[in-house]
Amino acid sequence: MSLLVAISLLLAFLWAQRYWFLRLWRAFKRLESPILRRIALYPRLIEAAAGAHEPHRVAFYLYELASEFHTQWTRGKDLPHLRFIMQNDPETTAARLALVQGIVTVLASGLALLGVEAPEEMR
């Protein structure tokens, strides 16, 4: 599959998911917004990286996204209201788990574009 076809398929998928993304955006508080903003940059980043023949942009983007997610996950260890799974708030839990799924999708897609296999889990 050529890079252009892969990018086209990804952009079509993300466009189809726009309503899901808007609902997710409204469900979050300010702390999740930086991660959502970074996810929203993904289609344009892919387009720019492909146009400039600079695949390293994708690698840097994926690293930054994973770092932001890790930072948010770690904050939840010390501050219970920042945890991804909240026993007393199923709506926030569902929104945060949808965010995790969005991150997984973007990371897997970016790694696939770079020709890297994504592990199912890390220990």
N, C-alpha and C. Protein backbone atom coordinates (compact mmCIF):
# COMPACT_ATOMS: atom_id res chain seq x y z
N MET A 1 0.85 -1.17 0.00
CA MET A 1 0.00 0.00 0.00
C MET A 1 0.90 1.23 0.00
N SER A 2 0.62 2.16 -0.88
CA SER A 2 1.44 3.36 -0.95
C SER A 2 1.11 4.29 0.22
N LEU A 3 2.01 5.19 0.50
CA LEU A 3 1.82 6.13 1.59
C LEU A 3 0.60 7.01 1.33
N LEU A 4 0.42 7.43 0.10
CA LEU A 4 -0.72 8.28 -0.24
C LEU A 4 -2.04 7.57 0.00
N VAL A 5 -2.13 6.28 -0.34
CA VAL A 5 -3.34 5.51 -0.10
C VAL A 5 -3.58 5.36 1.40
N ALA A 6 -2.52 5.08 2.16
CA ALA A 6 -2.65 4.93 3.61
C ALA A 6 -3.13 6.23 4.24
N ILE A 7 -2.59 7.33 3.80
CA ILE A 7 -2.99 8.64 4.33
C ILE A 7 -4.45 8.92 3.98
N SER A 8 -4.83 8.62 2.76
CA SER A 8 -6.22 8.83 2.33
C SER A 8 -7.19 8.01 3.18
N LEU A 9 -6.84 6.75 3.42
CA LEU A 9 -7.70 5.89 4.25
C LEU A 9 -7.81 6.42 5.67
N LEU A 10 -6.69 6.87 6.22
CA LEU A 10 -6.70 7.41 7.58
C LEU A 10 -7.54 8.67 7.66
N LEU A 11 -7.37 9.58 6.72
CA LEU A 11 -8.14 10.82 6.73
C LEU A 11 -9.64 10.53 6.59
N ALA A 12 -10.00 9.56 5.75
CA ALA A 12 -11.40 9.18 5.60
C ALA A 12 -11.95 8.63 6.92
N PHE A 13 -11.14 7.80 7.59
CA PHE A 13 -11.57 7.24 8.88
C PHE A 13 -11.77 8.36 9.90
N LEU A 14 -10.81 9.26 10.00
CA LEU A 14 -10.92 10.35 10.97
C LEU A 14 -12.09 11.26 10.66
N TRP A 15 -12.36 11.52 9.38
CA TRP A 15 -13.51 12.35 9.01
C TRP A 15 -14.80 11.67 9.44
N ALA A 16 -14.88 10.36 9.26
CA ALA A 16 -16.08 9.62 9.66
C ALA A 16 -16.28 9.65 11.17
N GLN A 17 -15.20 9.81 11.91
CA GLN A 17 -15.27 9.80 13.37
C GLN A 17 -15.44 11.20 13.95
N ARG A 18 -15.66 12.23 13.14
CA ARG A 18 -15.67 13.61 13.63
C ARG A 18 -16.75 13.85 14.69
N TYR A 19 -17.92 13.22 14.55
CA TYR A 19 -18.98 13.44 15.53
C TYR A 19 -18.61 12.80 16.86
N TRP A 20 -18.00 11.63 16.81
CA TRP A 20 -17.50 11.00 18.03
C TRP A 20 -16.50 11.92 18.70
N PHE A 21 -15.62 12.51 17.91
CA PHE A 21 -14.58 13.39 18.45
C PHE A 21 -15.20 14.63 19.09
N LEU A 22 -16.23 15.21 18.47
CA LEU A 22 -16.88 16.39 19.04
C LEU A 22 -17.55 16.07 20.37
N ARG A 23 -18.23 14.91 20.44
CA ARG A 23 -18.85 14.51 21.71
C ARG A 23 -17.78 14.32 22.78
N LEU A 24 -16.67 13.70 22.39
CA LEU A 24 -15.58 13.46 23.33
C LEU A 24 -15.00 14.78 23.81
N TRP A 25 -14.84 15.71 22.89
CA TRP A 25 -14.26 17.02 23.23
C TRP A 25 -15.10 17.71 24.30
N ARG A 26 -16.41 17.67 24.16
CA ARG A 26 -17.29 18.33 25.12
C ARG A 26 -17.28 17.64 26.48
N ALA A 27 -16.97 16.36 26.51
CA ALA A 27 -17.03 15.61 27.76
C ALA A 27 -15.81 15.84 28.65
N PHE A 28 -14.79 16.46 28.13
CA PHE A 28 -13.55 16.60 28.88
C PHE A 28 -13.41 17.94 29.56
N LYS A 29 -12.64 17.91 30.59
CA LYS A 29 -12.28 19.13 31.28
C LYS A 29 -10.96 19.63 30.71
N ARG A 30 -10.47 20.73 31.22
CA ARG A 30 -9.26 21.35 30.68
C ARG A 30 -8.05 20.42 30.67
N LEU A 31 -7.90 19.53 31.60
CA LEU A 31 -6.70 18.71 31.70
C LEU A 31 -6.52 17.78 30.51
N GLU A 32 -7.62 17.32 29.92
CA GLU A 32 -7.52 16.43 28.78
C GLU A 32 -7.38 17.19 27.46
N SER A 33 -7.67 18.48 27.47
CA SER A 33 -7.65 19.27 26.24
C SER A 33 -6.32 19.25 25.50
N PRO A 34 -5.16 19.34 26.16
CA PRO A 34 -3.91 19.29 25.39
C PRO A 34 -3.74 17.99 24.60
N ILE A 35 -4.16 16.88 25.16
CA ILE A 35 -4.05 15.61 24.45
C ILE A 35 -5.01 15.61 23.27
N LEU A 36 -6.22 16.10 23.47
CA LEU A 36 -7.19 16.15 22.37
C LEU A 36 -6.71 17.07 21.26
N ARG A 37 -6.11 18.20 21.64
CA ARG A 37 -5.57 19.10 20.62
C ARG A 37 -4.47 18.41 19.82
N ARG A 38 -3.64 17.65 20.49
CA ARG A 38 -2.56 16.96 19.79
C ARG A 38 -3.14 15.89 18.84
N ILE A 39 -4.16 15.17 19.29
CA ILE A 39 -4.80 14.18 18.42
C ILE A 39 -5.41 14.87 17.19
N ALA A 40 -6.03 16.03 17.41
CA ALA A 40 -6.66 16.76 16.31
C ALA A 40 -5.64 17.22 15.26
N LEU A 41 -4.40 17.38 15.64
CA LEU A 41 -3.35 17.80 14.71
C LEU A 41 -2.90 16.68 13.78
N TYR A 42 -3.22 15.45 14.11
CA TYR A 42 -2.67 14.29 13.40
C TYR A 42 -2.91 14.31 11.89
N PRO A 43 -4.13 14.53 11.40
CA PRO A 43 -4.32 14.50 9.94
C PRO A 43 -3.47 15.54 9.21
N ARG A 44 -3.41 16.75 9.76
CA ARG A 44 -2.59 17.79 9.11
C ARG A 44 -1.12 17.47 9.17
N LEU A 45 -0.69 16.88 10.29
CA LEU A 45 0.71 16.51 10.42
C LEU A 45 1.09 15.46 9.38
N ILE A 46 0.24 14.46 9.19
CA ILE A 46 0.50 13.42 8.21
C ILE A 46 0.59 14.02 6.81
N GLU A 47 -0.34 14.90 6.51
CA GLU A 47 -0.35 15.54 5.20
C GLU A 47 0.93 16.36 4.98
N ALA A 48 1.33 17.13 5.99
CA ALA A 48 2.54 17.95 5.87
C ALA A 48 3.80 17.09 5.77
N ALA A 49 3.86 16.04 6.57
CA ALA A 49 5.04 15.16 6.55
C ALA A 49 5.16 14.46 5.20
N ALA A 50 4.03 14.02 4.65
CA ALA A 50 4.06 13.35 3.35
C ALA A 50 4.45 14.34 2.25
N GLY A 51 3.89 15.53 2.31
CA GLY A 51 4.18 16.54 1.29
C GLY A 51 5.63 16.99 1.30
N ALA A 52 6.22 17.04 2.47
CA ALA A 52 7.61 17.49 2.59
C ALA A 52 8.61 16.33 2.57
N HIS A 53 8.11 15.10 2.47
CA HIS A 53 8.97 13.91 2.51
C HIS A 53 9.81 13.90 3.79
N GLU A 54 9.14 14.14 4.92
CA GLU A 54 9.81 14.20 6.21
C GLU A 54 9.12 13.27 7.21
N PRO A 55 9.37 11.97 7.12
CA PRO A 55 8.69 11.02 8.01
C PRO A 55 9.08 11.19 9.48
N HIS A 56 10.19 11.85 9.74
CA HIS A 56 10.59 12.05 11.14
C HIS A 56 9.58 12.88 11.90
N ARG A 57 8.82 13.72 11.20
CA ARG A 57 7.77 14.50 11.87
C ARG A 57 6.76 13.57 12.55
N VAL A 58 6.44 12.49 11.88
CA VAL A 58 5.46 11.53 12.42
C VAL A 58 6.04 10.88 13.68
N ALA A 59 7.31 10.49 13.62
CA ALA A 59 7.94 9.85 14.77
C ALA A 59 7.97 10.80 15.97
N PHE A 60 8.33 12.05 15.75
CA PHE A 60 8.36 13.03 16.84
C PHE A 60 6.97 13.26 17.41
N TYR A 61 5.98 13.36 16.53
CA TYR A 61 4.60 13.56 16.96
C TYR A 61 4.14 12.40 17.85
N LEU A 62 4.41 11.17 17.40
CA LEU A 62 3.99 10.00 18.17
C LEU A 62 4.66 9.97 19.53
N TYR A 63 5.93 10.33 19.58
CA TYR A 63 6.65 10.38 20.85
C TYR A 63 6.02 11.41 21.78
N GLU A 64 5.70 12.58 21.25
CA GLU A 64 5.10 13.63 22.08
C GLU A 64 3.71 13.22 22.58
N LEU A 65 2.92 12.58 21.72
CA LEU A 65 1.59 12.12 22.12
C LEU A 65 1.69 11.08 23.22
N ALA A 66 2.59 10.11 23.05
CA ALA A 66 2.77 9.08 24.07
C ALA A 66 3.27 9.69 25.38
N SER A 67 4.13 10.69 25.29
CA SER A 67 4.64 11.35 26.50
C SER A 67 3.53 12.09 27.23
N GLU A 68 2.67 12.79 26.49
CA GLU A 68 1.55 13.49 27.13
C GLU A 68 0.59 12.51 27.80
N PHE A 69 0.32 11.39 27.14
CA PHE A 69 -0.55 10.38 27.73
C PHE A 69 0.07 9.82 29.01
N HIS A 70 1.35 9.51 28.96
CA HIS A 70 2.04 8.98 30.13
C HIS A 70 1.99 9.98 31.29
N THR A 71 2.19 11.25 30.98
CA THR A 71 2.13 12.28 32.02
C THR A 71 0.75 12.33 32.66
N GLN A 72 -0.29 12.29 31.84
CA GLN A 72 -1.65 12.32 32.37
C GLN A 72 -1.95 11.07 33.20
N TRP A 73 -1.50 9.93 32.73
CA TRP A 73 -1.72 8.68 33.47
C TRP A 73 -1.03 8.74 34.83
N THR A 74 0.18 9.26 34.86
CA THR A 74 0.95 9.35 36.09
C THR A 74 0.31 10.32 37.08
N ARG A 75 -0.24 11.42 36.59
CA ARG A 75 -0.93 12.37 37.47
C ARG A 75 -2.08 11.69 38.21
N GLY A 76 -2.74 10.76 37.56
CA GLY A 76 -3.86 10.06 38.16
C GLY A 76 -3.47 9.17 39.33
N LYS A 77 -2.20 8.79 39.40
CA LYS A 77 -1.76 7.97 40.53
C LYS A 77 -1.78 8.77 41.82
N ASP A 78 -1.47 10.05 41.72
CA ASP A 78 -1.41 10.91 42.91
C ASP A 78 -2.72 11.65 43.17
N LEU A 79 -3.45 11.97 42.13
CA LEU A 79 -4.69 12.75 42.27
C LEU A 79 -5.86 11.93 41.74
N PRO A 80 -6.69 11.39 42.64
CA PRO A 80 -7.78 10.49 42.23
C PRO A 80 -8.74 11.08 41.19
N HIS A 81 -8.96 12.39 41.21
CA HIS A 81 -9.91 12.97 40.24
C HIS A 81 -9.35 13.00 38.82
N LEU A 82 -8.07 12.68 38.66
CA LEU A 82 -7.46 12.64 37.33
C LEU A 82 -7.33 11.23 36.78
N ARG A 83 -7.78 10.24 37.53
CA ARG A 83 -7.67 8.85 37.07
C ARG A 83 -8.58 8.63 35.87
N PHE A 84 -8.19 7.68 35.03
CA PHE A 84 -8.96 7.38 33.84
C PHE A 84 -10.22 6.60 34.19
N ILE A 85 -10.15 5.76 35.21
CA ILE A 85 -11.32 5.00 35.64
C ILE A 85 -11.74 5.54 37.00
N MET A 86 -12.94 6.11 37.00
CA MET A 86 -13.48 6.71 38.23
C MET A 86 -14.73 5.95 38.62
N GLN A 87 -14.70 5.34 39.79
CA GLN A 87 -15.79 4.48 40.24
C GLN A 87 -17.14 5.19 40.28
N ASN A 88 -17.16 6.47 40.69
CA ASN A 88 -18.42 7.17 40.91
C ASN A 88 -18.87 8.03 39.72
N ASP A 89 -18.13 8.00 38.61
CA ASP A 89 -18.46 8.85 37.48
C ASP A 89 -18.31 8.08 36.16
N PRO A 90 -19.33 7.28 35.82
CA PRO A 90 -19.22 6.46 34.61
C PRO A 90 -19.12 7.27 33.32
N GLU A 91 -19.71 8.48 33.27
CA GLU A 91 -19.63 9.29 32.05
C GLU A 91 -18.20 9.76 31.80
N THR A 92 -17.54 10.25 32.84
CA THR A 92 -16.14 10.68 32.70
C THR A 92 -15.25 9.49 32.38
N THR A 93 -15.52 8.36 33.03
CA THR A 93 -14.74 7.14 32.75
C THR A 93 -14.88 6.75 31.28
N ALA A 94 -16.10 6.75 30.77
CA ALA A 94 -16.33 6.39 29.36
C ALA A 94 -15.62 7.36 28.43
N ALA A 95 -15.68 8.65 28.75
CA ALA A 95 -15.02 9.65 27.90
C ALA A 95 -13.50 9.47 27.93
N ARG A 96 -12.97 9.22 29.10
CA ARG A 96 -11.51 9.05 29.21
C ARG A 96 -11.05 7.76 28.55
N LEU A 97 -11.85 6.72 28.64
CA LEU A 97 -11.49 5.48 27.95
C LEU A 97 -11.61 5.65 26.43
N ALA A 98 -12.54 6.48 25.99
CA ALA A 98 -12.62 6.79 24.56
C ALA A 98 -11.39 7.56 24.12
N LEU A 99 -10.90 8.43 24.99
CA LEU A 99 -9.65 9.14 24.71
C LEU A 99 -8.50 8.16 24.57
N VAL A 100 -8.42 7.19 25.47
CA VAL A 100 -7.37 6.17 25.39
C VAL A 100 -7.48 5.42 24.05
N GLN A 101 -8.69 5.07 23.64
CA GLN A 101 -8.87 4.38 22.37
C GLN A 101 -8.43 5.26 21.21
N GLY A 102 -8.72 6.54 21.28
CA GLY A 102 -8.26 7.46 20.25
C GLY A 102 -6.75 7.53 20.17
N ILE A 103 -6.11 7.55 21.32
CA ILE A 103 -4.64 7.57 21.37
C ILE A 103 -4.08 6.29 20.77
N VAL A 104 -4.68 5.16 21.14
CA VAL A 104 -4.24 3.87 20.59
C VAL A 104 -4.36 3.87 19.07
N THR A 105 -5.48 4.37 18.56
CA THR A 105 -5.71 4.40 17.12
C THR A 105 -4.67 5.25 16.40
N VAL A 106 -4.40 6.43 16.94
CA VAL A 106 -3.43 7.33 16.31
C VAL A 106 -2.02 6.73 16.40
N LEU A 107 -1.65 6.20 17.56
CA LEU A 107 -0.32 5.60 17.69
C LEU A 107 -0.14 4.42 16.73
N ALA A 108 -1.13 3.55 16.66
CA ALA A 108 -1.04 2.38 15.77
C ALA A 108 -0.97 2.82 14.32
N SER A 109 -1.77 3.80 13.96
CA SER A 109 -1.77 4.30 12.59
C SER A 109 -0.43 4.92 12.23
N GLY A 110 0.09 5.77 13.11
CA GLY A 110 1.37 6.41 12.85
C GLY A 110 2.51 5.41 12.76
N LEU A 111 2.51 4.44 13.64
CA LEU A 111 3.55 3.41 13.59
C LEU A 111 3.45 2.60 12.31
N ALA A 112 2.22 2.30 11.89
CA ALA A 112 2.03 1.55 10.64
C ALA A 112 2.54 2.35 9.44
N LEU A 113 2.30 3.66 9.44
CA LEU A 113 2.81 4.49 8.35
C LEU A 113 4.33 4.47 8.30
N LEU A 114 4.95 4.34 9.47
CA LEU A 114 6.41 4.30 9.54
C LEU A 114 6.96 2.89 9.32
N GLY A 115 6.05 1.92 9.22
CA GLY A 115 6.47 0.54 9.01
C GLY A 115 6.90 -0.18 10.27
N VAL A 116 6.37 0.27 11.41
CA VAL A 116 6.72 -0.30 12.71
C VAL A 116 5.50 -1.03 13.24
N GLU A 117 5.69 -2.26 13.72
CA GLU A 117 4.60 -3.01 14.33
C GLU A 117 4.35 -2.52 15.75
N ALA A 118 3.09 -2.30 16.07
CA ALA A 118 2.74 -1.87 17.42
C ALA A 118 2.50 -3.10 18.30
N PRO A 119 3.09 -3.16 19.49
CA PRO A 119 2.84 -4.31 20.37
C PRO A 119 1.41 -4.24 20.92
N GLU A 120 0.87 -5.38 21.23
CA GLU A 120 -0.47 -5.43 21.84
C GLU A 120 -0.45 -4.88 23.25
N GLU A 121 0.64 -5.14 23.97
CA GLU A 121 0.77 -4.63 25.33
C GLU A 121 2.25 -4.49 25.67
N MET A 122 2.51 -3.64 26.64
CA MET A 122 3.89 -3.45 27.10
C MET A 122 3.95 -3.75 28.59
N ARG A 123 4.99 -4.43 28.99
CA ARG A 123 5.15 -4.74 30.40
C ARG A 123 6.49 -4.28 30.88
